[in-house]
Amino acid sequence: MKRFLFFLLAAVAFFATSTASISSVERDGSWYKIYNESGRLAHSVSASVGELQGFGADFFIVKSGSWYKLYDEKGKLYKSLSVSSVGEILSVGATTFTSRSGSWVYTWNRDGKRISSRQASR
């Protein structure tokens, strides 16, 4: 009985802390539909949040006016960054995104923290 309870508690803890990966974010009418790694609809977010810029393994970015907004895999806003400080988003990877501002290229982590910069090539 103790082993069963331990196993049950461990399974609940595992599933409570694991997050689903995003396999796709697609616009469907006035909604962004977030699909998990199984291809199942996980969550939906109103398309009024802004224009989709890209998505990674567990986040996606939309542009709304002069702001980039970062959302998690559940469609919850967790960070806003000004377009003037980020520049133009070039690409979004699994856990990072890349932007260009003037003659500089920046790499950002999923939390919106700049982790590297380099001068852009012509």
PDB file of N, CA and C in Angstrom:
ATOM      1  N   MET A   1       0.827  -1.195   0.000  1.00  0.00           N
ATOM      2  CA  MET A   1       0.000   0.000   0.000  1.00  0.00           C
ATOM      3  C   MET A   1       0.869   1.257   0.000  1.00  0.00           C
ATOM      4  N   LYS A   2       1.959   1.236   0.774  1.00  0.00           N
ATOM      5  CA  LYS A   2       2.857   2.391   0.815  1.00  0.00           C
ATOM      6  C   LYS A   2       3.481   2.643  -0.553  1.00  0.00           C
ATOM      7  N   ARG A   3       3.859   1.543  -1.232  1.00  0.00           N
ATOM      8  CA  ARG A   3       4.450   1.701  -2.563  1.00  0.00           C
ATOM      9  C   ARG A   3       3.446   2.315  -3.533  1.00  0.00           C
ATOM     10  N   PHE A   4       2.209   1.859  -3.464  1.00  0.00           N
ATOM     11  CA  PHE A   4       1.169   2.388  -4.337  1.00  0.00           C
ATOM     12  C   PHE A   4       0.956   3.872  -4.085  1.00  0.00           C
ATOM     13  N   LEU A   5       0.871   4.284  -2.841  1.00  0.00           N
ATOM     14  CA  LEU A   5       0.684   5.695  -2.511  1.00  0.00           C
ATOM     15  C   LEU A   5       1.869   6.535  -2.957  1.00  0.00           C
ATOM     16  N   PHE A   6       3.073   6.002  -2.778  1.00  0.00           N
ATOM     17  CA  PHE A   6       4.263   6.713  -3.227  1.00  0.00           C
ATOM     18  C   PHE A   6       4.240   6.893  -4.744  1.00  0.00           C
ATOM     19  N   PHE A   7       3.902   5.802  -5.459  1.00  0.00           N
ATOM     20  CA  PHE A   7       3.826   5.869  -6.912  1.00  0.00           C
ATOM     21  C   PHE A   7       2.768   6.876  -7.361  1.00  0.00           C
ATOM     22  N   LEU A   8       1.615   6.846  -6.722  1.00  0.00           N
ATOM     23  CA  LEU A   8       0.542   7.765  -7.057  1.00  0.00           C
ATOM     24  C   LEU A   8       0.960   9.215  -6.822  1.00  0.00           C
ATOM     25  N   LEU A   9       1.595   9.471  -5.694  1.00  0.00           N
ATOM     26  CA  LEU A   9       2.064  10.819  -5.378  1.00  0.00           C
ATOM     27  C   LEU A   9       3.124  11.283  -6.378  1.00  0.00           C
ATOM     28  N   ALA A  10       4.034  10.393  -6.753  1.00  0.00           N
ATOM     29  CA  ALA A  10       5.077  10.736  -7.727  1.00  0.00           C
ATOM     30  C   ALA A  10       4.465  11.034  -9.093  1.00  0.00           C
ATOM     31  N   ALA A  11       3.482  10.241  -9.497  1.00  0.00           N
ATOM     32  CA  ALA A  11       2.830  10.468 -10.794  1.00  0.00           C
ATOM     33  C   ALA A  11       2.098  11.798 -10.813  1.00  0.00           C
ATOM     34  N   VAL A  12       1.398  12.123  -9.739  1.00  0.00           N
ATOM     35  CA  VAL A  12       0.686  13.404  -9.662  1.00  0.00           C
ATOM     36  C   VAL A  12       1.680  14.559  -9.704  1.00  0.00           C
ATOM     37  N   ALA A  13       2.779  14.452  -8.987  1.00  0.00           N
ATOM     38  CA  ALA A  13       3.791  15.517  -8.993  1.00  0.00           C
ATOM     39  C   ALA A  13       4.399  15.689 -10.374  1.00  0.00           C
ATOM     40  N   PHE A  14       4.650  14.588 -11.071  1.00  0.00           N
ATOM     41  CA  PHE A  14       5.224  14.666 -12.412  1.00  0.00           C
ATOM     42  C   PHE A  14       4.286  15.374 -13.379  1.00  0.00           C
ATOM     43  N   PHE A  15       3.039  14.958 -13.400  1.00  0.00           N
ATOM     44  CA  PHE A  15       2.086  15.537 -14.341  1.00  0.00           C
ATOM     45  C   PHE A  15       1.715  16.967 -13.975  1.00  0.00           C
ATOM     46  N   ALA A  16       1.818  17.337 -12.718  1.00  0.00           N
ATOM     47  CA  ALA A  16       1.500  18.701 -12.303  1.00  0.00           C
ATOM     48  C   ALA A  16       2.591  19.671 -12.728  1.00  0.00           C
ATOM     49  N   THR A  17       3.843  19.191 -12.831  1.00  0.00           N
ATOM     50  CA  THR A  17       4.946  20.080 -13.174  1.00  0.00           C
ATOM     51  C   THR A  17       5.306  20.048 -14.650  1.00  0.00           C
ATOM     52  N   SER A  18       4.875  19.025 -15.379  1.00  0.00           N
ATOM     53  CA  SER A  18       5.235  18.959 -16.789  1.00  0.00           C
ATOM     54  C   SER A  18       4.337  19.895 -17.597  1.00  0.00           C
ATOM     55  N   THR A  19       4.933  20.495 -18.613  1.00  0.00           N
ATOM     56  CA  THR A  19       4.168  21.384 -19.479  1.00  0.00           C
ATOM     57  C   THR A  19       4.149  20.802 -20.885  1.00  0.00           C
ATOM     58  N   ALA A  20       3.114  21.087 -21.580  1.00  0.00           N
ATOM     59  CA  ALA A  20       2.985  20.599 -22.947  1.00  0.00           C
ATOM     60  C   ALA A  20       3.762  21.514 -23.884  1.00  0.00           C
ATOM     61  N   SER A  21       4.370  20.912 -24.875  1.00  0.00           N
ATOM     62  CA  SER A  21       5.081  21.690 -25.880  1.00  0.00           C
ATOM     63  C   SER A  21       4.107  22.153 -26.954  1.00  0.00           C
ATOM     64  N   ILE A  22       4.422  23.296 -27.521  1.00  0.00           N
ATOM     65  CA  ILE A  22       3.627  23.827 -28.623  1.00  0.00           C
ATOM     66  C   ILE A  22       4.150  23.228 -29.919  1.00  0.00           C
ATOM     67  N   SER A  23       3.255  22.639 -30.700  1.00  0.00           N
ATOM     68  CA  SER A  23       3.664  22.160 -32.019  1.00  0.00           C
ATOM     69  C   SER A  23       3.241  23.135 -33.104  1.00  0.00           C
ATOM     70  N   SER A  24       2.198  23.931 -32.813  1.00  0.00           N
ATOM     71  CA  SER A  24       1.717  24.877 -33.808  1.00  0.00           C
ATOM     72  C   SER A  24       0.816  25.927 -33.160  1.00  0.00           C
ATOM     73  N   VAL A  25       0.858  27.124 -33.705  1.00  0.00           N
ATOM     74  CA  VAL A  25      -0.094  28.185 -33.355  1.00  0.00           C
ATOM     75  C   VAL A  25      -0.658  28.666 -34.684  1.00  0.00           C
ATOM     76  N   GLU A  26      -1.975  28.542 -34.835  1.00  0.00           N
ATOM     77  CA  GLU A  26      -2.608  28.867 -36.105  1.00  0.00           C
ATOM     78  C   GLU A  26      -3.768  29.824 -35.885  1.00  0.00           C
ATOM     79  N   ARG A  27      -3.914  30.750 -36.825  1.00  0.00           N
ATOM     80  CA  ARG A  27      -5.060  31.655 -36.761  1.00  0.00           C
ATOM     81  C   ARG A  27      -6.249  30.983 -37.434  1.00  0.00           C
ATOM     82  N   ASP A  28      -7.365  31.009 -36.728  1.00  0.00           N
ATOM     83  CA  ASP A  28      -8.612  30.448 -37.248  1.00  0.00           C
ATOM     84  C   ASP A  28      -9.698  31.477 -36.986  1.00  0.00           C
ATOM     85  N   GLY A  29      -9.974  32.302 -37.997  1.00  0.00           N
ATOM     86  CA  GLY A  29     -10.953  33.372 -37.822  1.00  0.00           C
ATOM     87  C   GLY A  29     -10.450  34.396 -36.826  1.00  0.00           C
ATOM     88  N   SER A  30     -11.172  34.567 -35.756  1.00  0.00           N
ATOM     89  CA  SER A  30     -10.781  35.566 -34.753  1.00  0.00           C
ATOM     90  C   SER A  30     -10.079  34.925 -33.558  1.00  0.00           C
ATOM     91  N   TRP A  31      -9.488  33.742 -33.756  1.00  0.00           N
ATOM     92  CA  TRP A  31      -8.802  33.034 -32.677  1.00  0.00           C
ATOM     93  C   TRP A  31      -7.443  32.526 -33.127  1.00  0.00           C
ATOM     94  N   TYR A  32      -6.496  32.504 -32.194  1.00  0.00           N
ATOM     95  CA  TYR A  32      -5.263  31.755 -32.377  1.00  0.00           C
ATOM     96  C   TYR A  32      -5.467  30.445 -31.641  1.00  0.00           C
ATOM     97  N   LYS A  33      -5.265  29.346 -32.341  1.00  0.00           N
ATOM     98  CA  LYS A  33      -5.408  28.031 -31.732  1.00  0.00           C
ATOM     99  C   LYS A  33      -4.023  27.467 -31.474  1.00  0.00           C
ATOM    100  N   ILE A  34      -3.800  27.052 -30.237  1.00  0.00           N
ATOM    101  CA  ILE A  34      -2.511  26.531 -29.804  1.00  0.00           C
ATOM    102  C   ILE A  34      -2.624  25.008 -29.729  1.00  0.00           C
ATOM    103  N   TYR A  35      -1.804  24.320 -30.528  1.00  0.00           N
ATOM    104  CA  TYR A  35      -1.827  22.864 -30.573  1.00  0.00           C
ATOM    105  C   TYR A  35      -0.617  22.309 -29.833  1.00  0.00           C
ATOM    106  N   ASN A  36      -0.830  21.208 -29.096  1.00  0.00           N
ATOM    107  CA  ASN A  36       0.263  20.601 -28.343  1.00  0.00           C
ATOM    108  C   ASN A  36       1.030  19.610 -29.210  1.00  0.00           C
ATOM    109  N   GLU A  37       2.022  18.951 -28.596  1.00  0.00           N
ATOM    110  CA  GLU A  37       2.883  18.042 -29.351  1.00  0.00           C
ATOM    111  C   GLU A  37       2.133  16.828 -29.888  1.00  0.00           C
ATOM    112  N   SER A  38       0.936  16.548 -29.361  1.00  0.00           N
ATOM    113  CA  SER A  38       0.110  15.453 -29.872  1.00  0.00           C
ATOM    114  C   SER A  38      -0.780  15.898 -31.026  1.00  0.00           C
ATOM    115  N   GLY A  39      -0.714  17.169 -31.385  1.00  0.00           N
ATOM    116  CA  GLY A  39      -1.546  17.696 -32.452  1.00  0.00           C
ATOM    117  C   GLY A  39      -2.957  18.031 -32.002  1.00  0.00           C
ATOM    118  N   ARG A  40      -3.172  18.003 -30.703  1.00  0.00           N
ATOM    119  CA  ARG A  40      -4.497  18.316 -30.153  1.00  0.00           C
ATOM    120  C   ARG A  40      -4.579  19.785 -29.777  1.00  0.00           C
ATOM    121  N   LEU A  41      -5.763  20.340 -29.934  1.00  0.00           N
ATOM    122  CA  LEU A  41      -5.997  21.719 -29.522  1.00  0.00           C
ATOM    123  C   LEU A  41      -5.824  21.806 -28.011  1.00  0.00           C
ATOM    124  N   ALA A  42      -4.886  22.637 -27.574  1.00  0.00           N
ATOM    125  CA  ALA A  42      -4.611  22.767 -26.137  1.00  0.00           C
ATOM    126  C   ALA A  42      -5.306  23.989 -25.556  1.00  0.00           C
ATOM    127  N   HIS A  43      -5.222  25.122 -26.278  1.00  0.00           N
ATOM    128  CA  HIS A  43      -5.816  26.372 -25.807  1.00  0.00           C
ATOM    129  C   HIS A  43      -6.119  27.261 -27.004  1.00  0.00           C
ATOM    130  N   SER A  44      -6.937  28.267 -26.764  1.00  0.00           N
ATOM    131  CA  SER A  44      -7.249  29.273 -27.780  1.00  0.00           C
ATOM    132  C   SER A  44      -7.083  30.652 -27.161  1.00  0.00           C
ATOM    133  N   VAL A  45      -6.661  31.604 -27.982  1.00  0.00           N
ATOM    134  CA  VAL A  45      -6.493  32.989 -27.559  1.00  0.00           C
ATOM    135  C   VAL A  45      -7.119  33.866 -28.631  1.00  0.00           C
ATOM    136  N   SER A  46      -7.815  34.892 -28.233  1.00  0.00           N
ATOM    137  CA  SER A  46      -8.419  35.808 -29.186  1.00  0.00           C
ATOM    138  C   SER A  46      -7.339  36.434 -30.067  1.00  0.00           C
ATOM    139  N   ALA A  47      -7.603  36.511 -31.362  1.00  0.00           N
ATOM    140  CA  ALA A  47      -6.648  37.111 -32.296  1.00  0.00           C
ATOM    141  C   ALA A  47      -6.520  38.611 -32.089  1.00  0.00           C
ATOM    142  N   SER A  48      -7.400  39.197 -31.277  1.00  0.00           N
ATOM    143  CA  SER A  48      -7.304  40.627 -30.988  1.00  0.00           C
ATOM    144  C   SER A  48      -6.064  40.969 -30.159  1.00  0.00           C
ATOM    145  N   VAL A  49      -5.336  39.953 -29.668  1.00  0.00           N
ATOM    146  CA  VAL A  49      -4.122  40.219 -28.892  1.00  0.00           C
ATOM    147  C   VAL A  49      -3.024  40.806 -29.762  1.00  0.00           C
ATOM    148  N   GLY A  50      -3.075  40.576 -31.071  1.00  0.00           N
ATOM    149  CA  GLY A  50      -2.071  41.135 -31.964  1.00  0.00           C
ATOM    150  C   GLY A  50      -1.749  40.193 -33.112  1.00  0.00           C
ATOM    151  N   GLU A  51      -0.700  40.545 -33.857  1.00  0.00           N
ATOM    152  CA  GLU A  51      -0.281  39.772 -35.028  1.00  0.00           C
ATOM    153  C   GLU A  51       0.800  38.768 -34.635  1.00  0.00           C
ATOM    154  N   LEU A  52       0.570  37.508 -34.918  1.00  0.00           N
ATOM    155  CA  LEU A  52       1.512  36.449 -34.574  1.00  0.00           C
ATOM    156  C   LEU A  52       2.849  36.674 -35.272  1.00  0.00           C
ATOM    157  N   GLN A  53       3.939  36.646 -34.487  1.00  0.00           N
ATOM    158  CA  GLN A  53       5.289  36.793 -35.024  1.00  0.00           C
ATOM    159  C   GLN A  53       5.990  35.450 -35.150  1.00  0.00           C
ATOM    160  N   GLY A  54       5.630  34.509 -34.277  1.00  0.00           N
ATOM    161  CA  GLY A  54       6.235  33.187 -34.309  1.00  0.00           C
ATOM    162  C   GLY A  54       6.017  32.477 -32.994  1.00  0.00           C
ATOM    163  N   PHE A  55       6.421  31.199 -32.946  1.00  0.00           N
ATOM    164  CA  PHE A  55       6.261  30.429 -31.721  1.00  0.00           C
ATOM    165  C   PHE A  55       7.447  29.506 -31.517  1.00  0.00           C
ATOM    166  N   GLY A  56       7.701  29.196 -30.258  1.00  0.00           N
ATOM    167  CA  GLY A  56       8.747  28.263 -29.874  1.00  0.00           C
ATOM    168  C   GLY A  56       8.140  27.052 -29.206  1.00  0.00           C
ATOM    169  N   ALA A  57       8.950  26.318 -28.467  1.00  0.00           N
ATOM    170  CA  ALA A  57       8.495  25.086 -27.826  1.00  0.00           C
ATOM    171  C   ALA A  57       7.435  25.341 -26.761  1.00  0.00           C
ATOM    172  N   ASP A  58       7.547  26.456 -26.048  1.00  0.00           N
ATOM    173  CA  ASP A  58       6.594  26.709 -24.964  1.00  0.00           C
ATOM    174  C   ASP A  58       6.203  28.178 -24.835  1.00  0.00           C
ATOM    175  N   PHE A  59       6.332  28.928 -25.929  1.00  0.00           N
ATOM    176  CA  PHE A  59       5.920  30.331 -25.934  1.00  0.00           C
ATOM    177  C   PHE A  59       5.613  30.772 -27.347  1.00  0.00           C
ATOM    178  N   PHE A  60       4.865  31.873 -27.455  1.00  0.00           N
ATOM    179  CA  PHE A  60       4.665  32.485 -28.762  1.00  0.00           C
ATOM    180  C   PHE A  60       4.641  33.997 -28.587  1.00  0.00           C
ATOM    181  N   ILE A  61       4.896  34.711 -29.684  1.00  0.00           N
ATOM    182  CA  ILE A  61       5.042  36.164 -29.658  1.00  0.00           C
ATOM    183  C   ILE A  61       4.046  36.785 -30.618  1.00  0.00           C
ATOM    184  N   VAL A  62       3.365  37.827 -30.143  1.00  0.00           N
ATOM    185  CA  VAL A  62       2.503  38.618 -31.011  1.00  0.00           C
ATOM    186  C   VAL A  62       2.953  40.074 -30.938  1.00  0.00           C
ATOM    187  N   LYS A  63       2.677  40.807 -32.009  1.00  0.00           N
ATOM    188  CA  LYS A  63       2.955  42.239 -32.037  1.00  0.00           C
ATOM    189  C   LYS A  63       1.631  42.973 -31.937  1.00  0.00           C
ATOM    190  N   SER A  64       1.539  43.849 -30.958  1.00  0.00           N
ATOM    191  CA  SER A  64       0.325  44.625 -30.736  1.00  0.00           C
ATOM    192  C   SER A  64       0.722  46.092 -30.617  1.00  0.00           C
ATOM    193  N   GLY A  65       0.476  46.850 -31.691  1.00  0.00           N
ATOM    194  CA  GLY A  65       0.884  48.256 -31.690  1.00  0.00           C
ATOM    195  C   GLY A  65       2.388  48.373 -31.578  1.00  0.00           C
ATOM    196  N   SER A  66       2.882  49.050 -30.561  1.00  0.00           N
ATOM    197  CA  SER A  66       4.323  49.224 -30.368  1.00  0.00           C
ATOM    198  C   SER A  66       4.874  48.274 -29.305  1.00  0.00           C
ATOM    199  N   TRP A  67       4.207  47.132 -29.143  1.00  0.00           N
ATOM    200  CA  TRP A  67       4.632  46.145 -28.135  1.00  0.00           C
ATOM    201  C   TRP A  67       4.694  44.749 -28.725  1.00  0.00           C
ATOM    202  N   TYR A  68       5.705  43.998 -28.304  1.00  0.00           N
ATOM    203  CA  TYR A  68       5.736  42.559 -28.524  1.00  0.00           C
ATOM    204  C   TYR A  68       5.258  41.933 -27.226  1.00  0.00           C
ATOM    205  N   LYS A  69       4.340  40.994 -27.342  1.00  0.00           N
ATOM    206  CA  LYS A  69       3.799  40.339 -26.157  1.00  0.00           C
ATOM    207  C   LYS A  69       4.132  38.858 -26.213  1.00  0.00           C
ATOM    208  N   LEU A  70       4.690  38.348 -25.122  1.00  0.00           N
ATOM    209  CA  LEU A  70       5.072  36.950 -25.026  1.00  0.00           C
ATOM    210  C   LEU A  70       4.021  36.200 -24.217  1.00  0.00           C
ATOM    211  N   TYR A  71       3.562  35.083 -24.771  1.00  0.00           N
ATOM    212  CA  TYR A  71       2.543  34.252 -24.146  1.00  0.00           C
ATOM    213  C   TYR A  71       3.091  32.850 -23.927  1.00  0.00           C
ATOM    214  N   ASP A  72       2.633  32.206 -22.859  1.00  0.00           N
ATOM    215  CA  ASP A  72       3.058  30.829 -22.610  1.00  0.00           C
ATOM    216  C   ASP A  72       2.187  29.841 -23.373  1.00  0.00           C
ATOM    217  N   GLU A  73       2.454  28.555 -23.193  1.00  0.00           N
ATOM    218  CA  GLU A  73       1.742  27.511 -23.938  1.00  0.00           C
ATOM    219  C   GLU A  73       0.265  27.423 -23.576  1.00  0.00           C
ATOM    220  N   LYS A  74      -0.127  28.063 -22.486  1.00  0.00           N
ATOM    221  CA  LYS A  74      -1.532  28.088 -22.096  1.00  0.00           C
ATOM    222  C   LYS A  74      -2.239  29.360 -22.564  1.00  0.00           C
ATOM    223  N   GLY A  75      -1.507  30.211 -23.280  1.00  0.00           N
ATOM    224  CA  GLY A  75      -2.101  31.446 -23.789  1.00  0.00           C
ATOM    225  C   GLY A  75      -2.124  32.564 -22.773  1.00  0.00           C
ATOM    226  N   LYS A  76      -1.279  32.470 -21.753  1.00  0.00           N
ATOM    227  CA  LYS A  76      -1.221  33.497 -20.717  1.00  0.00           C
ATOM    228  C   LYS A  76      -0.070  34.477 -20.997  1.00  0.00           C
ATOM    229  N   LEU A  77      -0.401  35.763 -21.038  1.00  0.00           N
ATOM    230  CA  LEU A  77       0.609  36.808 -21.239  1.00  0.00           C
ATOM    231  C   LEU A  77       1.550  36.824 -20.046  1.00  0.00           C
ATOM    232  N   TYR A  78       2.873  36.785 -20.306  1.00  0.00           N
ATOM    233  CA  TYR A  78       3.821  36.849 -19.197  1.00  0.00           C
ATOM    234  C   TYR A  78       4.894  37.914 -19.365  1.00  0.00           C
ATOM    235  N   LYS A  79       4.975  38.542 -20.552  1.00  0.00           N
ATOM    236  CA  LYS A  79       5.992  39.572 -20.737  1.00  0.00           C
ATOM    237  C   LYS A  79       5.614  40.462 -21.912  1.00  0.00           C
ATOM    238  N   SER A  80       5.869  41.767 -21.775  1.00  0.00           N
ATOM    239  CA  SER A  80       5.703  42.729 -22.867  1.00  0.00           C
ATOM    240  C   SER A  80       7.021  43.450 -23.078  1.00  0.00           C
ATOM    241  N   LEU A  81       7.420  43.596 -24.334  1.00  0.00           N
ATOM    242  CA  LEU A  81       8.659  44.288 -24.690  1.00  0.00           C
ATOM    243  C   LEU A  81       8.333  45.338 -25.743  1.00  0.00           C
ATOM    244  N   SER A  82       8.909  46.509 -25.617  1.00  0.00           N
ATOM    245  CA  SER A  82       8.622  47.556 -26.590  1.00  0.00           C
ATOM    246  C   SER A  82       9.328  47.262 -27.914  1.00  0.00           C
ATOM    247  N   VAL A  83       8.647  47.548 -29.003  1.00  0.00           N
ATOM    248  CA  VAL A  83       9.212  47.344 -30.331  1.00  0.00           C
ATOM    249  C   VAL A  83      10.477  48.180 -30.489  1.00  0.00           C
ATOM    250  N   SER A  84      10.509  49.370 -29.912  1.00  0.00           N
ATOM    251  CA  SER A  84      11.682  50.233 -30.043  1.00  0.00           C
ATOM    252  C   SER A  84      12.922  49.642 -29.377  1.00  0.00           C
ATOM    253  N   SER A  85      12.748  48.834 -28.336  1.00  0.00           N
ATOM    254  CA  SER A  85      13.913  48.235 -27.681  1.00  0.00           C
ATOM    255  C   SER A  85      14.317  46.904 -28.314  1.00  0.00           C
ATOM    256  N   VAL A  86      13.385  46.223 -28.947  1.00  0.00           N
ATOM    257  CA  VAL A  86      13.665  44.913 -29.533  1.00  0.00           C
ATOM    258  C   VAL A  86      14.060  45.028 -30.996  1.00  0.00           C
ATOM    259  N   GLY A  87      13.385  45.869 -31.743  1.00  0.00           N
ATOM    260  CA  GLY A  87      13.594  45.958 -33.181  1.00  0.00           C
ATOM    261  C   GLY A  87      12.632  45.042 -33.901  1.00  0.00           C
ATOM    262  N   GLU A  88      13.025  44.562 -35.068  1.00  0.00           N
ATOM    263  CA  GLU A  88      12.190  43.666 -35.866  1.00  0.00           C
ATOM    264  C   GLU A  88      12.538  42.226 -35.531  1.00  0.00           C
ATOM    265  N   ILE A  89      11.541  41.412 -35.228  1.00  0.00           N
ATOM    266  CA  ILE A  89      11.802  39.998 -34.944  1.00  0.00           C
ATOM    267  C   ILE A  89      12.105  39.281 -36.252  1.00  0.00           C
ATOM    268  N   LEU A  90      13.257  38.605 -36.275  1.00  0.00           N
ATOM    269  CA  LEU A  90      13.692  37.882 -37.466  1.00  0.00           C
ATOM    270  C   LEU A  90      13.241  36.429 -37.448  1.00  0.00           C
ATOM    271  N   SER A  91      13.380  35.781 -36.286  1.00  0.00           N
ATOM    272  CA  SER A  91      13.002  34.371 -36.186  1.00  0.00           C
ATOM    273  C   SER A  91      12.721  34.013 -34.731  1.00  0.00           C
ATOM    274  N   VAL A  92      11.951  32.939 -34.575  1.00  0.00           N
ATOM    275  CA  VAL A  92      11.650  32.412 -33.248  1.00  0.00           C
ATOM    276  C   VAL A  92      12.042  30.949 -33.257  1.00  0.00           C
ATOM    277  N   GLY A  93      12.901  30.564 -32.297  1.00  0.00           N
ATOM    278  CA  GLY A  93      13.336  29.176 -32.185  1.00  0.00           C
ATOM    279  C   GLY A  93      12.644  28.490 -31.028  1.00  0.00           C
ATOM    280  N   ALA A  94      13.131  27.333 -30.662  1.00  0.00           N
ATOM    281  CA  ALA A  94      12.498  26.540 -29.601  1.00  0.00           C
ATOM    282  C   ALA A  94      12.455  27.292 -28.271  1.00  0.00           C
ATOM    283  N   THR A  95      13.575  27.910 -27.892  1.00  0.00           N
ATOM    284  CA  THR A  95      13.632  28.583 -26.588  1.00  0.00           C
ATOM    285  C   THR A  95      14.148  30.014 -26.677  1.00  0.00           C
ATOM    286  N   THR A  96      14.398  30.490 -27.885  1.00  0.00           N
ATOM    287  CA  THR A  96      14.931  31.843 -28.074  1.00  0.00           C
ATOM    288  C   THR A  96      14.258  32.506 -29.268  1.00  0.00           C
ATOM    289  N   PHE A  97      14.491  33.818 -29.388  1.00  0.00           N
ATOM    290  CA  PHE A  97      14.098  34.518 -30.608  1.00  0.00           C
ATOM    291  C   PHE A  97      15.172  35.531 -30.945  1.00  0.00           C
ATOM    292  N   THR A  98      15.223  35.915 -32.219  1.00  0.00           N
ATOM    293  CA  THR A  98      16.256  36.798 -32.735  1.00  0.00           C
ATOM    294  C   THR A  98      15.600  38.031 -33.335  1.00  0.00           C
ATOM    295  N   SER A  99      16.229  39.186 -33.088  1.00  0.00           N
ATOM    296  CA  SER A  99      15.706  40.432 -33.640  1.00  0.00           C
ATOM    297  C   SER A  99      16.845  41.263 -34.219  1.00  0.00           C
ATOM    298  N   ARG A 100      16.452  42.236 -35.040  1.00  0.00           N
ATOM    299  CA  ARG A 100      17.425  43.165 -35.615  1.00  0.00           C
ATOM    300  C   ARG A 100      16.951  44.577 -35.346  1.00  0.00           C
ATOM    301  N   SER A 101      17.861  45.373 -34.839  1.00  0.00           N
ATOM    302  CA  SER A 101      17.586  46.781 -34.593  1.00  0.00           C
ATOM    303  C   SER A 101      18.776  47.582 -35.112  1.00  0.00           C
ATOM    304  N   GLY A 102      18.537  48.329 -36.183  1.00  0.00           N
ATOM    305  CA  GLY A 102      19.631  49.073 -36.796  1.00  0.00           C
ATOM    306  C   GLY A 102      20.681  48.123 -37.340  1.00  0.00           C
ATOM    307  N   SER A 103      21.927  48.297 -36.926  1.00  0.00           N
ATOM    308  CA  SER A 103      23.008  47.437 -37.408  1.00  0.00           C
ATOM    309  C   SER A 103      23.359  46.333 -36.408  1.00  0.00           C
ATOM    310  N   TRP A 104      22.432  46.030 -35.491  1.00  0.00           N
ATOM    311  CA  TRP A 104      22.682  45.005 -34.482  1.00  0.00           C
ATOM    312  C   TRP A 104      21.647  43.894 -34.545  1.00  0.00           C
ATOM    313  N   VAL A 105      22.116  42.675 -34.287  1.00  0.00           N
ATOM    314  CA  VAL A 105      21.250  41.499 -34.185  1.00  0.00           C
ATOM    315  C   VAL A 105      21.318  41.023 -32.736  1.00  0.00           C
ATOM    316  N   TYR A 106      20.154  40.807 -32.151  1.00  0.00           N
ATOM    317  CA  TYR A 106      20.064  40.401 -30.740  1.00  0.00           C
ATOM    318  C   TYR A 106      19.407  39.031 -30.635  1.00  0.00           C
ATOM    319  N   THR A 107      19.856  38.257 -29.673  1.00  0.00           N
ATOM    320  CA  THR A 107      19.210  36.995 -29.331  1.00  0.00           C
ATOM    321  C   THR A 107      18.623  37.154 -27.934  1.00  0.00           C
ATOM    322  N   TRP A 108      17.383  36.725 -27.792  1.00  0.00           N
ATOM    323  CA  TRP A 108      16.630  36.848 -26.541  1.00  0.00           C
ATOM    324  C   TRP A 108      16.198  35.465 -26.084  1.00  0.00           C
ATOM    325  N   ASN A 109      16.104  35.259 -24.758  1.00  0.00           N
ATOM    326  CA  ASN A 109      15.562  33.985 -24.295  1.00  0.00           C
ATOM    327  C   ASN A 109      14.044  34.072 -24.224  1.00  0.00           C
ATOM    328  N   ARG A 110      13.390  32.985 -23.907  1.00  0.00           N
ATOM    329  CA  ARG A 110      11.926  32.934 -23.875  1.00  0.00           C
ATOM    330  C   ARG A 110      11.337  33.851 -22.818  1.00  0.00           C
ATOM    331  N   ASP A 111      12.148  34.284 -21.854  1.00  0.00           N
ATOM    332  CA  ASP A 111      11.682  35.182 -20.801  1.00  0.00           C
ATOM    333  C   ASP A 111      11.792  36.652 -21.193  1.00  0.00           C
ATOM    334  N   GLY A 112      12.282  36.923 -22.389  1.00  0.00           N
ATOM    335  CA  GLY A 112      12.409  38.298 -22.850  1.00  0.00           C
ATOM    336  C   GLY A 112      13.679  38.978 -22.381  1.00  0.00           C
ATOM    337  N   LYS A 113      14.675  38.193 -22.008  1.00  0.00           N
ATOM    338  CA  LYS A 113      15.963  38.739 -21.564  1.00  0.00           C
ATOM    339  C   LYS A 113      16.967  38.616 -22.714  1.00  0.00           C
ATOM    340  N   ARG A 114      17.629  39.725 -23.035  1.00  0.00           N
ATOM    341  CA  ARG A 114      18.621  39.702 -24.110  1.00  0.00           C
ATOM    342  C   ARG A 114      19.830  38.911 -23.641  1.00  0.00           C
ATOM    343  N   ILE A 115      20.216  37.897 -24.418  1.00  0.00           N
ATOM    344  CA  ILE A 115      21.322  37.038 -24.001  1.00  0.00           C
ATOM    345  C   ILE A 115      22.578  37.208 -24.850  1.00  0.00           C
ATOM    346  N   SER A 116      22.437  37.805 -26.043  1.00  0.00           N
ATOM    347  CA  SER A 116      23.634  38.086 -26.837  1.00  0.00           C
ATOM    348  C   SER A 116      23.324  39.131 -27.894  1.00  0.00           C
ATOM    349  N   SER A 117      24.400  39.723 -28.414  1.00  0.00           N
ATOM    350  CA  SER A 117      24.265  40.693 -29.490  1.00  0.00           C
ATOM    351  C   SER A 117      25.490  40.620 -30.378  1.00  0.00           C
ATOM    352  N   ARG A 118      25.305  40.985 -31.618  1.00  0.00           N
ATOM    353  CA  ARG A 118      26.419  41.050 -32.565  1.00  0.00           C
ATOM    354  C   ARG A 118      26.082  42.071 -33.632  1.00  0.00           C
ATOM    355  N   GLN A 119      27.099  42.561 -34.280  1.00  0.00           N
ATOM    356  CA  GLN A 119      26.874  43.482 -35.357  1.00  0.00           C
ATOM    357  C   GLN A 119      26.337  42.702 -36.559  1.00  0.00           C
ATOM    358  N   ALA A 120      25.320  43.250 -37.204  1.00  0.00           N
ATOM    359  CA  ALA A 120      24.714  42.574 -38.359  1.00  0.00           C
ATOM    360  C   ALA A 120      25.634  42.663 -39.557  1.00  0.00           C
ATOM    361  N   SER A 121      25.639  41.598 -40.333  1.00  0.00           N
ATOM    362  CA  SER A 121      26.395  41.654 -41.587  1.00  0.00           C
ATOM    363  C   SER A 121      25.538  42.379 -42.619  1.00  0.00           C
ATOM    364  N   ARG A 122      26.172  42.888 -43.603  1.00  0.00           N
ATOM    365  CA  ARG A 122      25.468  43.672 -44.610  1.00  0.00           C
ATOM    366  C   ARG A 122      24.497  42.802 -45.276  1.00  0.00           C
TER     367      ARG A 122
END
